């Protein structure tokens, strides 16, 4: 079975059936053993009725005690062997399913890592959670068809062959009857796939809503919107429940047919065999064997329907996995090297030009426009952006990521100590560097307010921190990374005026001589920028210093102007910082 460090291999993502077959081929030895054990465990019971017939015809009817004891012992031995085969089959199939489960988890997690920051731009978080929680297990369960499924087919063939030796008529009824059962259940299998697909899609949407609720409950409470969102959640839950009922209805019919039709089939064949005995065409022992054969056949027939259901659900789940695996990260780019020294970043679409070694601010009427510009400058979306005169998408992506960092104000915070959260991947940074980054982000009070300082535990997404504290921790992490180019999206949007003024000043000092871009409408931050671009509808409408734009650009002044009280608060905050 695949372990935590083993390479899962390259999945076949050309289709759901091919993906399931890849899981089988990835463990050929175990799959072959499972199939063999499935054949033996389901074919051997078909031999028991034959042994019983011999015990009746050779021992019981003529009164031969030795023959009776011998054939009875053979029946007992067959039962014991079959018990052992079933245990071995179950253990092997458990390993097959676990291998498929772990292998799928590894390829899904590997794909998520490969997509990186482009993941959330291509697929909702709820979709990924649904794949990891439900679809992975469903895919693994579908592989049960390898053992009992193959065994059911062979068991059916063995019973048909044994019945042919007793009566061609009975063999013909069996050979025709089982396909008829499949034809009756076939439409239900197709309906199950469609209802299961709809259920999974709605489950993914509801999971995403749960994530949104968990992350924004505090904000919703402050805005008084909890009841509105709760009602939307209840409505989606009712829809999901209705889809679940539809899936359950189809599943119940399939299970009913799986038990009911074989029983009817057993009654028909037994009735025909009894008539043949009455007509003297078969013996009483053969009647016993026919009943046993058909009784044994009930299990493979029920398996056919059950595995049809499992494979149908497995194909639905595998289709979602394959769809996720087909997503691709941004193109790795060409073979061009990044500029040898700090160079100009230029976004022709907006007209933004970022000079090296300077602090540039983007003030947009719509925050989404600023985020799109940053995505283009950071090469998270296709664009004509250039770096040092070279198209950004022609530079190897690894080189871009090494030197340009996009710091989103909603970037994930992983669970761990505060020190680990701030360090990120900078495991080589010492405590002095960490403390310097924390101070530059004005996160000193965050460290002091926690019981164990930098060694205090932080919940996933920083849920045990306030919104402003989370934002400053994210900024500290970005500053510690110390990239050549830092693109910070709304780094102070959740801060009060006092803290915002301190962050603006310290950010400028910490990034002196380095290229920095911030998106903001805060005059406290804009006043610290070397160059400010005022953008309307995603295009540069004006550029210059903060003071110059305030004096000559009415649209800019209307966008960034704040109450006099805010300005007074800012002055007080700066005075307080000066005292410190």
Protein backbone atom coordinates (compact mmCIF):
# COMPACT_ATOMS: atom_id res chain seq x y z
CA UNK A 1 0.00 0.00 0.00
CA UNK A 2 1.29 3.46 -0.88
CA UNK A 3 2.92 5.28 2.02
CA UNK A 4 3.07 8.95 2.87
CA UNK A 5 6.38 9.51 1.05
CA UNK A 6 5.92 7.31 -2.01
CA UNK A 7 5.37 8.82 -5.44
CA UNK A 8 1.71 8.16 -6.36
CA UNK A 9 2.54 8.13 -10.07
CA UNK A 10 1.04 10.08 -12.94
CA UNK A 11 -2.76 9.77 -12.95
CA UNK A 12 -4.66 9.13 -16.15
CA UNK A 13 -6.95 12.15 -16.31
CA UNK A 14 -8.38 11.50 -19.78
CA UNK A 15 -11.69 10.43 -18.25
CA UNK A 16 -13.29 9.02 -15.09
CA UNK A 17 -13.20 5.39 -16.28
CA UNK A 18 -9.55 5.72 -17.26
CA UNK A 19 -8.76 7.22 -13.84
CA UNK A 20 -10.40 4.26 -12.06
CA UNK A 21 -8.48 1.87 -14.30
CA UNK A 22 -5.25 3.75 -13.45
CA UNK A 23 -5.91 3.11 -9.75
CA UNK A 24 -6.22 -0.61 -10.55
CA UNK A 25 -3.05 -0.64 -12.66
CA UNK A 26 -1.13 1.20 -9.94
CA UNK A 27 -1.36 -1.89 -7.72
CA UNK A 28 -1.31 -4.79 -10.21
CA UNK A 29 -0.22 -7.52 -7.82
CA UNK A 30 -2.77 -6.70 -5.15
CA UNK A 31 -5.51 -6.25 -7.74
CA UNK A 32 -4.74 -9.66 -9.28
CA UNK A 33 -4.79 -11.35 -5.85
CA UNK A 34 -8.08 -9.63 -5.01
CA UNK A 35 -9.62 -10.83 -8.27
CA UNK A 36 -8.37 -14.40 -7.69
CA UNK A 37 -9.69 -14.48 -4.14
CA UNK A 38 -12.99 -13.03 -5.35
CA UNK A 39 -13.29 -15.78 -7.95
CA UNK A 40 -12.48 -18.55 -5.49
CA UNK A 41 -14.70 -17.19 -2.69
CA UNK A 42 -17.74 -16.86 -4.97
CA UNK A 43 -17.13 -19.93 -7.15
CA UNK A 44 -16.49 -22.35 -4.29
CA UNK A 45 -20.03 -21.99 -2.80
CA UNK A 46 -21.36 -23.16 -6.16
CA UNK A 47 -19.53 -26.47 -5.60
CA UNK A 48 -21.26 -27.09 -2.26
CA UNK A 49 -24.67 -27.91 -3.82
CA UNK A 50 -22.93 -30.45 -6.01
CA UNK A 51 -21.38 -32.05 -2.91
CA UNK A 52 -24.80 -32.09 -1.22
CA UNK A 53 -26.33 -33.78 -4.27
CA UNK A 54 -23.66 -36.46 -4.14
CA UNK A 55 -24.29 -36.95 -0.40
CA UNK A 56 -28.03 -37.45 -1.11
CA UNK A 57 -27.74 -39.61 -4.22
CA UNK A 58 -24.67 -41.68 -3.23
CA UNK A 59 -25.07 -41.85 0.54
CA UNK A 60 -28.48 -40.93 1.92
CA UNK A 61 -30.78 -42.49 -0.69
CA UNK A 62 -29.01 -45.90 -1.01
CA UNK A 63 -28.15 -45.91 2.73
CA UNK A 64 -24.35 -45.88 2.23
CA UNK A 65 -23.11 -44.38 5.51
CA UNK A 66 -19.47 -44.21 4.40
CA UNK A 67 -20.34 -42.25 1.29
CA UNK A 68 -22.61 -39.98 3.31
CA UNK A 69 -19.87 -39.25 5.87
CA UNK A 70 -17.30 -38.68 3.14
CA UNK A 71 -19.42 -36.25 1.17
CA UNK A 72 -20.53 -34.49 4.36
CA UNK A 73 -16.88 -34.04 5.36
CA UNK A 74 -16.22 -32.56 1.92
CA UNK A 75 -19.09 -30.08 2.48
CA UNK A 76 -17.58 -29.09 5.86
CA UNK A 77 -14.10 -28.67 4.35
CA UNK A 78 -15.51 -26.54 1.53
CA UNK A 79 -17.30 -24.35 4.07
CA UNK A 80 -14.14 -23.85 6.12
CA UNK A 81 -12.06 -23.07 3.03
CA UNK A 82 -14.67 -20.62 1.82
CA UNK A 83 -14.66 -18.83 5.21
CA UNK A 84 -10.88 -18.41 4.99
CA UNK A 85 -11.13 -17.19 1.37
CA UNK A 86 -13.70 -14.56 2.34
CA UNK A 87 -11.47 -13.31 5.17
CA UNK A 88 -8.48 -13.10 2.85
CA UNK A 89 -10.56 -11.40 0.14
CA UNK A 90 -11.88 -8.80 2.58
CA UNK A 91 -8.41 -8.01 3.90
CA UNK A 92 -7.00 -7.70 0.40
CA UNK A 93 -9.87 -5.52 -0.81
CA UNK A 94 -9.43 -3.27 2.22
CA UNK A 95 -5.84 -2.72 1.15
CA UNK A 96 -6.91 -2.08 -2.44
CA UNK A 97 -9.43 0.54 -1.32
CA UNK A 98 -6.99 2.19 1.09
CA UNK A 99 -4.31 2.37 -1.58
CA UNK A 100 -6.78 3.98 -4.00
CA UNK A 101 -7.90 6.38 -1.27
CA UNK A 102 -4.38 7.47 -0.28
CA UNK A 103 -3.22 7.62 -3.90
CA UNK A 104 -6.11 9.87 -4.86
CA UNK A 105 -5.52 12.08 -1.82
CA UNK A 106 -1.87 12.46 -2.81
CA UNK A 107 -2.57 13.36 -6.43
CA UNK A 108 -5.29 15.84 -5.40
CA UNK A 109 -3.07 17.48 -2.79
CA UNK A 110 -0.16 17.49 -5.23
CA UNK A 111 -2.35 19.17 -7.83
CA UNK A 112 -3.47 21.78 -5.29
CA UNK A 113 0.17 22.54 -4.50
CA UNK A 114 1.05 22.67 -8.20
CA UNK A 115 -1.75 25.15 -8.89
CA UNK A 116 -0.52 27.29 -6.00
CA UNK A 117 -1.95 30.77 -5.87
CA UNK A 118 -3.98 30.18 -9.04
CA UNK A 119 -6.06 27.50 -7.25
CA UNK A 120 -8.68 29.82 -5.78
CA UNK A 121 -8.92 31.66 -9.08
CA UNK A 122 -9.97 28.45 -10.86
CA UNK A 123 -12.02 26.42 -8.39
CA UNK A 124 -14.05 27.17 -5.29
CA UNK A 125 -12.77 26.04 -1.91
CA UNK A 126 -15.99 24.10 -1.36
CA UNK A 127 -15.27 22.03 -4.47
CA UNK A 128 -11.84 21.03 -3.17
CA UNK A 129 -13.26 20.15 0.26
CA UNK A 130 -16.03 18.05 -1.28
CA UNK A 131 -13.49 16.14 -3.38
CA UNK A 132 -11.30 15.50 -0.34
CA UNK A 133 -14.12 14.57 2.04
CA UNK A 134 -16.56 12.64 -0.17
CA UNK A 135 -15.33 11.91 -3.67
CA UNK A 136 -12.04 10.32 -2.64
CA UNK A 137 -13.85 7.72 -0.51
CA UNK A 138 -16.44 7.07 -3.23
CA UNK A 139 -13.70 6.50 -5.83
CA UNK A 140 -11.95 4.04 -3.51
CA UNK A 141 -15.18 2.14 -2.81
CA UNK A 142 -15.79 1.69 -6.54
CA UNK A 143 -12.67 -0.49 -6.71
CA UNK A 144 -14.54 -3.18 -4.74
CA UNK A 145 -15.58 -4.45 -8.17
CA UNK A 146 -12.05 -5.85 -8.59
CA UNK A 147 -12.55 -8.66 -6.07
CA UNK A 148 -16.21 -9.57 -5.51
CA UNK A 149 -17.16 -8.08 -8.88
CA UNK A 150 -14.87 -10.34 -10.90
CA UNK A 151 -15.77 -13.22 -8.59
CA UNK A 152 -19.48 -12.63 -9.21
CA UNK A 153 -18.99 -12.95 -12.97
CA UNK A 154 -17.00 -16.19 -12.65
CA UNK A 155 -19.42 -17.54 -10.02
CA UNK A 156 -22.30 -16.90 -12.41
CA UNK A 157 -20.48 -18.78 -15.18
CA UNK A 158 -19.67 -21.73 -12.87
CA UNK A 159 -23.33 -22.04 -11.77
CA UNK A 160 -24.48 -21.92 -15.39
CA UNK A 161 -22.02 -24.69 -16.31
CA UNK A 162 -23.11 -26.88 -13.39
CA UNK A 163 -26.78 -26.38 -14.26
CA UNK A 164 -26.05 -27.27 -17.87
CA UNK A 165 -24.86 -30.68 -16.64
CA UNK A 166 -28.19 -31.14 -14.79
CA UNK A 167 -30.66 -29.64 -17.29
CA UNK A 168 -30.12 -27.50 -20.41
CA UNK A 169 -33.52 -25.89 -19.79
CA UNK A 170 -32.54 -24.67 -16.32
CA UNK A 171 -29.17 -23.46 -17.63
CA UNK A 172 -30.94 -21.49 -20.38
CA UNK A 173 -33.28 -19.87 -17.84
CA UNK A 174 -30.28 -18.79 -15.75
CA UNK A 175 -28.31 -17.50 -18.72
CA UNK A 176 -31.26 -15.47 -19.97
CA UNK A 177 -32.66 -14.39 -16.59
CA UNK A 178 -29.58 -12.59 -15.23
CA UNK A 179 -29.17 -10.29 -18.28
CA UNK A 180 -32.89 -9.49 -18.00
CA UNK A 181 -32.29 -8.35 -14.43
CA UNK A 182 -29.46 -6.15 -15.68
CA UNK A 183 -31.71 -4.62 -18.36
CA UNK A 184 -34.36 -3.83 -15.75
CA UNK A 185 -31.83 -2.16 -13.43
CA UNK A 186 -29.88 -0.36 -16.21
CA UNK A 187 -32.07 2.77 -16.44
CA UNK A 188 -31.86 3.17 -12.67
CA UNK A 189 -28.05 3.13 -12.90
CA UNK A 190 -28.12 5.99 -15.40
CA UNK A 191 -30.55 7.96 -13.28
CA UNK A 192 -28.37 7.36 -10.22
CA UNK A 193 -25.39 8.95 -11.98
CA UNK A 194 -27.36 12.06 -12.94
CA UNK A 195 -28.90 12.55 -9.47
CA UNK A 196 -25.57 11.82 -7.80
CA UNK A 197 -23.86 14.42 -10.00
CA UNK A 198 -26.45 17.07 -9.09
CA UNK A 199 -26.12 16.17 -5.41
CA UNK A 200 -22.33 16.48 -5.47
CA UNK A 201 -22.44 19.85 -7.22
CA UNK A 202 -24.89 21.26 -4.69
CA UNK A 203 -22.87 19.76 -1.83
CA UNK A 204 -19.78 21.60 -3.07
CA UNK A 205 -21.69 24.90 -3.20
CA UNK A 206 -23.01 24.41 0.33
CA UNK A 207 -19.54 23.52 1.62
CA UNK A 208 -18.21 26.76 0.15
CA UNK A 209 -20.97 28.68 1.92
CA UNK A 210 -20.04 27.01 5.21
CA UNK A 211 -16.44 28.15 4.72
CA UNK A 212 -17.58 31.69 4.00
CA UNK A 213 -19.71 31.68 7.14
CA UNK A 214 -16.91 30.37 9.31
CA UNK A 215 -14.47 32.97 8.03
CA UNK A 216 -16.83 35.96 8.07
CA UNK A 217 -19.08 35.30 11.07
CA UNK A 218 -17.56 38.12 13.09
CA UNK A 219 -18.02 40.61 10.27
CA UNK A 220 -21.57 39.44 9.65
CA UNK A 221 -22.37 39.91 13.32
CA UNK A 222 -21.07 43.44 13.23
CA UNK A 223 -23.08 44.29 10.12
CA UNK A 224 -26.24 42.60 11.36
CA UNK A 225 -26.31 40.22 8.40
CA UNK A 226 -26.24 36.89 10.21
CA UNK A 227 -29.94 36.19 9.80
CA UNK A 228 -29.84 36.98 6.09
CA UNK A 229 -26.94 34.60 5.47
CA UNK A 230 -28.43 32.00 7.82
CA UNK A 231 -31.64 32.00 5.78
CA UNK A 232 -29.63 31.53 2.58
CA UNK A 233 -27.81 28.64 4.22
CA UNK A 234 -31.10 27.05 5.31
CA UNK A 235 -32.44 27.42 1.79
CA UNK A 236 -29.36 25.75 0.28
CA UNK A 237 -29.51 23.02 2.92
CA UNK A 238 -33.14 22.25 2.00
CA UNK A 239 -32.17 22.00 -1.66
CA UNK A 240 -29.29 19.68 -0.83
CA UNK A 241 -31.60 17.55 1.32
CA UNK A 242 -34.07 17.31 -1.57
CA UNK A 243 -31.25 16.16 -3.88
CA UNK A 244 -30.21 13.64 -1.24
CA UNK A 245 -33.75 12.26 -1.14
CA UNK A 246 -33.67 11.81 -4.91
CA UNK A 247 -30.37 9.93 -4.68
CA UNK A 248 -31.78 7.84 -1.82
CA UNK A 249 -34.93 7.02 -3.77
CA UNK A 250 -32.96 5.69 -6.74
CA UNK A 251 -30.55 3.82 -4.46
CA UNK A 252 -33.42 2.18 -2.56
CA UNK A 253 -34.96 0.91 -5.81
CA UNK A 254 -31.62 -0.51 -6.90
CA UNK A 255 -31.12 -2.24 -3.56
CA UNK A 256 -34.71 -3.54 -3.63
CA UNK A 257 -34.16 -4.99 -7.08
CA UNK A 258 -30.83 -6.41 -5.93
CA UNK A 259 -32.62 -8.45 -3.26
CA UNK A 260 -36.07 -8.93 -4.79
CA UNK A 261 -35.34 -9.96 -8.37
CA UNK A 262 -32.84 -12.72 -7.44
CA UNK A 263 -35.41 -14.11 -4.99
CA UNK A 264 -38.07 -14.22 -7.68
CA UNK A 265 -35.51 -15.75 -9.98
CA UNK A 266 -34.77 -18.41 -7.36
CA UNK A 267 -38.48 -19.25 -7.03
CA UNK A 268 -38.93 -19.64 -10.80
CA UNK A 269 -35.93 -21.92 -11.25
CA UNK A 270 -36.86 -24.02 -8.21
CA UNK A 271 -40.41 -24.44 -9.53
CA UNK A 272 -39.10 -25.61 -12.90
CA UNK A 273 -36.68 -28.03 -11.19
CA UNK A 274 -39.48 -29.49 -9.06
CA UNK A 275 -41.54 -30.15 -12.21
CA UNK A 276 -38.57 -31.91 -13.78
CA UNK A 277 -38.28 -34.15 -10.68
CA UNK A 278 -41.97 -34.96 -10.86
CA UNK A 279 -41.51 -35.88 -14.53
CA UNK A 280 -38.52 -38.07 -13.62
CA UNK A 281 -36.06 -36.08 -15.70
CA UNK A 282 -33.76 -35.27 -12.73
CA UNK A 283 -33.15 -36.92 -9.35
CA UNK A 284 -34.03 -35.65 -5.91
CA UNK A 285 -30.34 -34.99 -5.27
CA UNK A 286 -30.14 -32.96 -8.45
CA UNK A 287 -33.19 -30.98 -7.25
CA UNK A 288 -31.30 -30.22 -4.05
CA UNK A 289 -28.27 -29.18 -6.07
CA UNK A 290 -30.37 -26.94 -8.37
CA UNK A 291 -31.86 -25.17 -5.37
CA UNK A 292 -28.38 -24.75 -3.95
CA UNK A 293 -26.99 -23.47 -7.25
CA UNK A 294 -29.68 -20.84 -7.64
CA UNK A 295 -29.47 -19.89 -3.95
CA UNK A 296 -25.75 -19.37 -4.43
CA UNK A 297 -26.49 -17.40 -7.58
CA UNK A 298 -28.51 -14.88 -5.56
CA UNK A 299 -25.24 -13.51 -4.15
CA UNK A 300 -23.52 -12.79 -7.50
CA UNK A 301 -26.69 -11.28 -8.96
CA UNK A 302 -27.08 -9.00 -5.93
CA UNK A 303 -23.39 -8.11 -6.31
CA UNK A 304 -23.95 -7.19 -9.97
CA UNK A 305 -26.51 -4.57 -8.99
CA UNK A 306 -24.57 -3.34 -5.96
CA UNK A 307 -21.37 -2.94 -7.95
CA UNK A 308 -23.22 -1.27 -10.77
CA UNK A 309 -24.36 1.28 -8.20
CA UNK A 310 -20.88 1.67 -6.72
CA UNK A 311 -19.20 2.01 -10.10
CA UNK A 312 -21.81 4.54 -11.19
CA UNK A 313 -21.17 6.65 -8.12
CA UNK A 314 -17.43 6.10 -8.52
CA UNK A 315 -17.57 7.46 -12.08
CA UNK A 316 -19.37 10.59 -10.85
CA UNK A 317 -16.75 11.13 -8.15
CA UNK A 318 -13.86 10.31 -10.51
CA UNK A 319 -15.23 12.81 -13.03
CA UNK A 320 -14.91 15.56 -10.41
CA UNK A 321 -11.40 14.41 -9.49
CA UNK A 322 -10.36 14.31 -13.14
CA UNK A 323 -11.85 17.75 -13.76
CA UNK A 324 -9.73 19.08 -10.90
CA UNK A 325 -6.60 17.30 -12.15
CA UNK A 326 -7.05 18.83 -15.59
CA UNK A 327 -6.71 22.35 -14.22
CA UNK A 328 -3.36 23.84 -15.08
CA UNK A 329 -1.25 26.45 -13.36
CA UNK A 330 -0.13 29.52 -15.17
CA UNK A 331 2.27 28.73 -17.96
CA UNK A 332 5.82 28.40 -16.70
CA UNK A 333 6.91 30.89 -19.34
CA UNK A 334 9.79 30.91 -21.72
CA UNK A 335 13.49 30.64 -21.22
CA UNK A 336 14.15 34.36 -20.77
CA UNK A 337 16.03 35.39 -17.67
CA UNK A 338 14.67 38.01 -15.30
CA UNK A 339 16.36 41.42 -15.43
CA UNK A 340 19.79 41.30 -13.87
CA UNK A 341 19.05 44.37 -11.77
CA UNK A 342 15.94 46.12 -10.43
CA UNK A 343 13.89 47.27 -13.42
CA UNK A 344 10.64 48.96 -14.35
CA UNK A 345 7.40 46.99 -14.18
CA UNK A 346 4.90 48.25 -16.76
CA UNK A 347 1.25 47.29 -17.20
CA UNK A 348 0.15 48.67 -20.61
CA UNK A 349 -3.49 47.82 -20.01
CA UNK A 350 -3.80 50.26 -17.11
CA UNK A 351 -0.87 52.52 -17.89
CA UNK A 352 0.77 51.87 -14.51
CA UNK A 353 4.57 52.12 -14.57
CA UNK A 354 6.41 51.03 -11.41
CA UNK A 355 9.94 52.46 -11.13
CA UNK A 356 12.51 50.36 -9.25
CA UNK A 357 13.47 51.25 -5.70
CA UNK A 358 10.43 53.48 -5.15
CA UNK A 359 7.13 53.28 -3.24
CA UNK A 360 4.23 53.46 -5.68
CA UNK A 361 0.58 53.66 -4.64
CA UNK A 362 -2.53 52.79 -6.68
CA UNK A 363 -5.73 54.60 -5.72
CA UNK A 364 -8.74 53.13 -7.55
CA UNK A 365 -12.41 53.98 -7.42
CA UNK A 366 -13.09 50.22 -7.43
CA UNK A 367 -10.79 48.03 -5.29
CA UNK A 368 -11.31 45.13 -7.73
CA UNK A 369 -9.53 47.16 -10.45
CA UNK A 370 -6.48 47.59 -8.25
CA UNK A 371 -6.45 43.86 -7.44
CA UNK A 372 -6.54 43.03 -11.16
CA UNK A 373 -3.60 45.33 -11.84
CA UNK A 374 -1.60 43.69 -9.04
CA UNK A 375 -2.46 40.25 -10.46
CA UNK A 376 -1.07 41.32 -13.81
CA UNK A 377 2.06 42.86 -12.28
CA UNK A 378 2.60 39.70 -10.22
CA UNK A 379 1.85 37.44 -13.20
CA UNK A 380 -1.19 35.72 -11.78
CA UNK A 381 -3.26 36.46 -14.89
CA UNK A 382 -2.24 36.59 -18.59
CA UNK A 383 -1.29 40.09 -19.70
CA UNK A 384 1.14 42.20 -21.74
CA UNK A 385 2.99 43.35 -18.62
CA UNK A 386 6.72 43.87 -19.09
CA UNK A 387 9.61 43.79 -16.66
CA UNK A 388 12.71 45.62 -17.79
CA UNK A 389 11.27 45.70 -21.31
CA UNK A 390 10.73 41.93 -21.44
CA UNK A 391 7.23 40.46 -21.39
CA UNK A 392 6.61 39.02 -17.95
CA UNK A 393 5.09 35.82 -19.38
CA UNK A 394 8.29 35.15 -21.35
CA UNK A 395 10.34 35.01 -18.14
CA UNK A 396 10.56 31.67 -16.33
CA UNK A 397 7.80 31.63 -13.71
CA UNK A 398 10.20 30.39 -11.02
CA UNK A 399 12.37 33.49 -11.52
CA UNK A 400 9.32 35.76 -11.25
CA UNK A 401 8.18 34.11 -8.01
CA UNK A 402 11.66 34.42 -6.52
CA UNK A 403 11.75 38.20 -6.94
CA UNK A 404 8.12 39.43 -7.08
CA UNK A 405 5.77 38.82 -4.16
CA UNK A 406 2.03 39.60 -4.10
CA UNK A 407 0.87 40.17 -0.51
CA UNK A 408 -2.93 39.85 -0.46
CA UNK A 409 -4.71 41.29 2.57
CA UNK A 410 -6.80 38.10 2.68
CA UNK A 411 -3.91 35.67 2.20
CA UNK A 412 -4.17 32.41 4.16
CA UNK A 413 -2.72 32.14 7.64
CA UNK A 414 -1.89 28.55 8.52
CA UNK A 415 -2.17 27.12 12.00
CA UNK A 416 1.02 27.12 14.06
CA UNK A 417 2.99 29.34 16.37
CA UNK A 418 3.09 33.05 15.60
CA UNK A 419 6.79 32.65 14.83
CA UNK A 420 6.04 29.94 12.24
CA UNK A 421 3.26 32.01 10.70
CA UNK A 422 5.53 35.04 10.29
CA UNK A 423 8.46 32.97 9.04
CA UNK A 424 6.49 31.35 6.24
CA UNK A 425 9.13 29.63 4.12
CA UNK A 426 11.96 31.82 5.51
CA UNK A 427 13.13 29.14 7.93
CA UNK A 428 16.63 30.64 7.88
CA UNK A 429 15.54 33.94 9.48
CA UNK A 430 16.68 34.51 13.07
CA UNK A 431 14.75 36.13 15.92
CA UNK A 432 16.28 39.52 15.16
CA UNK A 433 14.94 39.48 11.60
CA UNK A 434 11.54 38.32 12.82
CA UNK A 435 11.41 41.07 15.44
CA UNK A 436 12.40 43.66 12.82
CA UNK A 437 9.60 42.52 10.47
CA UNK A 438 7.09 42.49 13.33
CA UNK A 439 8.01 46.02 14.32
CA UNK A 440 7.88 47.26 10.72
CA UNK A 441 4.33 45.89 10.47
CA UNK A 442 3.44 47.54 13.83
CA UNK A 443 2.60 44.09 15.18
CA UNK A 444 4.55 44.53 18.44
CA UNK A 445 1.35 44.75 20.45
CA UNK A 446 0.12 41.51 18.87
CA UNK A 447 3.19 39.70 20.19
CA UNK A 448 2.91 41.34 23.61
CA UNK A 449 -0.80 40.55 23.87
CA UNK A 450 -0.37 36.81 23.35
CA UNK A 451 0.44 34.61 26.37
CA UNK A 452 3.64 33.10 24.91
CA UNK A 453 4.62 35.87 22.54
CA UNK A 454 6.01 34.54 19.27
CA UNK A 455 5.57 30.98 20.55
CA UNK A 456 1.79 31.40 21.04
CA UNK A 457 -0.45 29.15 18.97
CA UNK A 458 -2.37 30.77 16.12
CA UNK A 459 -5.53 29.14 14.79
CA UNK A 460 -6.01 28.45 11.09
CA UNK A 461 -6.72 31.71 9.26
CA UNK A 462 -5.78 33.55 12.47
CA UNK A 463 -9.26 33.12 13.92
CA UNK A 464 -8.02 33.85 17.43
CA UNK A 465 -6.78 37.27 16.21
CA UNK A 466 -8.77 40.36 15.32
CA UNK A 467 -9.03 41.50 11.71
CA UNK A 468 -6.44 44.24 12.22
CA UNK A 469 -4.06 41.84 13.95
CA UNK A 470 -4.39 39.34 11.11
CA UNK A 471 -3.59 42.04 8.59
CA UNK A 472 -0.45 43.15 10.42
CA UNK A 473 0.74 39.53 10.78
CA UNK A 474 0.30 39.08 7.02
CA UNK A 475 2.28 42.26 6.41
CA UNK A 476 5.03 41.13 8.78
CA UNK A 477 5.30 37.85 6.88
CA UNK A 478 5.60 39.71 3.57
CA UNK A 479 8.23 42.11 4.94
CA UNK A 480 10.27 39.23 6.37
CA UNK A 481 10.29 37.57 2.94
CA UNK A 482 12.06 40.75 1.74
CA UNK A 483 11.32 40.38 -1.98
CA UNK A 484 12.88 42.61 -4.57
CA UNK A 485 9.37 43.69 -5.60
CA UNK A 486 6.52 43.73 -3.06
CA UNK A 487 2.95 44.19 -4.33
CA UNK A 488 0.73 44.76 -1.28
CA UNK A 489 -3.05 44.79 -1.68
CA UNK A 490 -4.83 47.03 0.85
CA UNK A 491 -2.25 46.39 3.62
CA UNK A 492 -3.94 48.76 6.10
CA UNK A 493 -7.66 48.47 5.28
CA UNK A 494 -8.58 46.94 8.67
CA UNK A 495 -6.48 49.29 10.83
CA UNK A 496 -7.43 52.37 12.83
CA UNK A 497 -5.94 55.72 11.91
CA UNK A 498 -3.25 55.66 14.65
CA UNK A 499 -1.93 52.24 13.61
CA UNK A 500 -2.31 53.03 9.92
CA UNK A 501 -0.11 56.11 10.21
CA UNK A 502 2.60 54.10 11.98
CA UNK A 503 2.41 51.30 9.39
CA UNK A 504 2.71 53.79 6.53
CA UNK A 505 5.87 55.34 7.96
CA UNK A 506 7.52 52.09 9.00
CA UNK A 507 6.66 50.38 5.73
CA UNK A 508 8.42 53.12 3.81
CA UNK A 509 11.49 52.87 6.06
CA UNK A 510 11.58 49.06 5.91
CA UNK A 511 11.34 49.02 2.11
CA UNK A 512 13.75 51.88 1.47
CA UNK A 513 15.58 51.25 -1.80
CA UNK A 514 13.27 48.37 -2.71
CA UNK A 515 10.40 48.37 -5.22
CA UNK A 516 7.05 48.49 -3.45
CA UNK A 517 3.50 48.89 -4.71
CA UNK A 518 0.50 49.35 -2.43
CA UNK A 519 -3.16 49.61 -3.36
CA UNK A 520 -5.00 51.94 -1.01
CA UNK A 521 -7.24 54.97 -0.71
CA UNK A 522 -5.86 55.95 2.69
CA UNK A 523 -4.34 59.46 2.66
CA UNK A 524 -2.06 58.37 5.50
CA UNK A 525 -0.42 55.78 3.22
CA UNK A 526 -0.71 57.77 0.00
CA UNK A 527 1.14 60.68 1.57
CA UNK A 528 4.17 58.43 2.08
CA UNK A 529 4.30 57.23 -1.55
CA UNK A 530 6.82 58.57 -4.05
CA UNK A 531 4.30 58.21 -6.88
CA UNK A 532 0.52 57.90 -6.72
CA UNK A 533 -1.62 56.73 -9.64
CA UNK A 534 -5.28 57.67 -9.62
CA UNK A 535 -7.19 55.10 -11.67
CA UNK A 536 -10.72 55.29 -13.07
CA UNK A 537 -12.24 52.14 -14.60
CA UNK A 538 -8.88 50.43 -14.32
CA UNK A 539 -7.00 53.11 -16.31
CA UNK A 540 -4.56 55.76 -15.09
CA UNK A 541 -6.43 59.06 -14.97
CA UNK A 542 -3.67 61.02 -13.26
CA UNK A 543 -0.33 60.53 -11.56
CA UNK A 544 1.94 62.45 -9.24
CA UNK A 545 2.38 63.04 -5.54
CA UNK A 546 -0.45 62.83 -3.05
CA UNK A 547 -0.38 66.56 -2.38
CA UNK A 548 -0.29 67.41 -6.07
CA UNK A 549 -3.25 65.20 -6.90
CA UNK A 550 -5.24 66.62 -3.99
CA UNK A 551 -4.65 70.10 -5.34
CA UNK A 552 -5.35 69.52 -9.04
CA UNK A 553 -7.50 66.34 -9.37
CA UNK A 554 -11.07 66.69 -8.01
CA UNK A 555 -11.90 63.00 -8.54
CA UNK A 556 -8.88 61.94 -6.54
CA UNK A 557 -9.68 64.43 -3.81
CA UNK A 558 -13.26 63.10 -3.54
CA UNK A 559 -11.97 59.52 -3.39
CA UNK A 560 -9.35 59.86 -0.67
CA UNK A 561 -10.56 62.84 1.42
CA UNK A 562 -11.41 62.02 5.03
CA UNK A 563 -13.07 63.86 7.87
CA UNK A 564 -11.08 66.37 9.82
CA UNK A 565 -11.42 64.13 12.83
CA UNK A 566 -9.57 61.39 11.01
CA UNK A 567 -6.79 63.80 10.09
CA UNK A 568 -6.55 64.92 13.71
CA UNK A 569 -6.39 61.31 14.82
CA UNK A 570 -3.59 60.71 12.32
CA UNK A 571 -1.62 63.69 13.64
CA UNK A 572 -2.07 62.42 17.19
CA UNK A 573 -0.94 58.98 16.11
CA UNK A 574 2.20 60.32 14.47
CA UNK A 575 2.96 62.42 17.53
CA UNK A 576 2.61 59.34 19.68
CA UNK A 577 4.96 57.41 17.37
CA UNK A 578 7.49 60.23 17.54
CA UNK A 579 7.47 59.97 21.33
CA UNK A 580 8.12 56.24 21.07
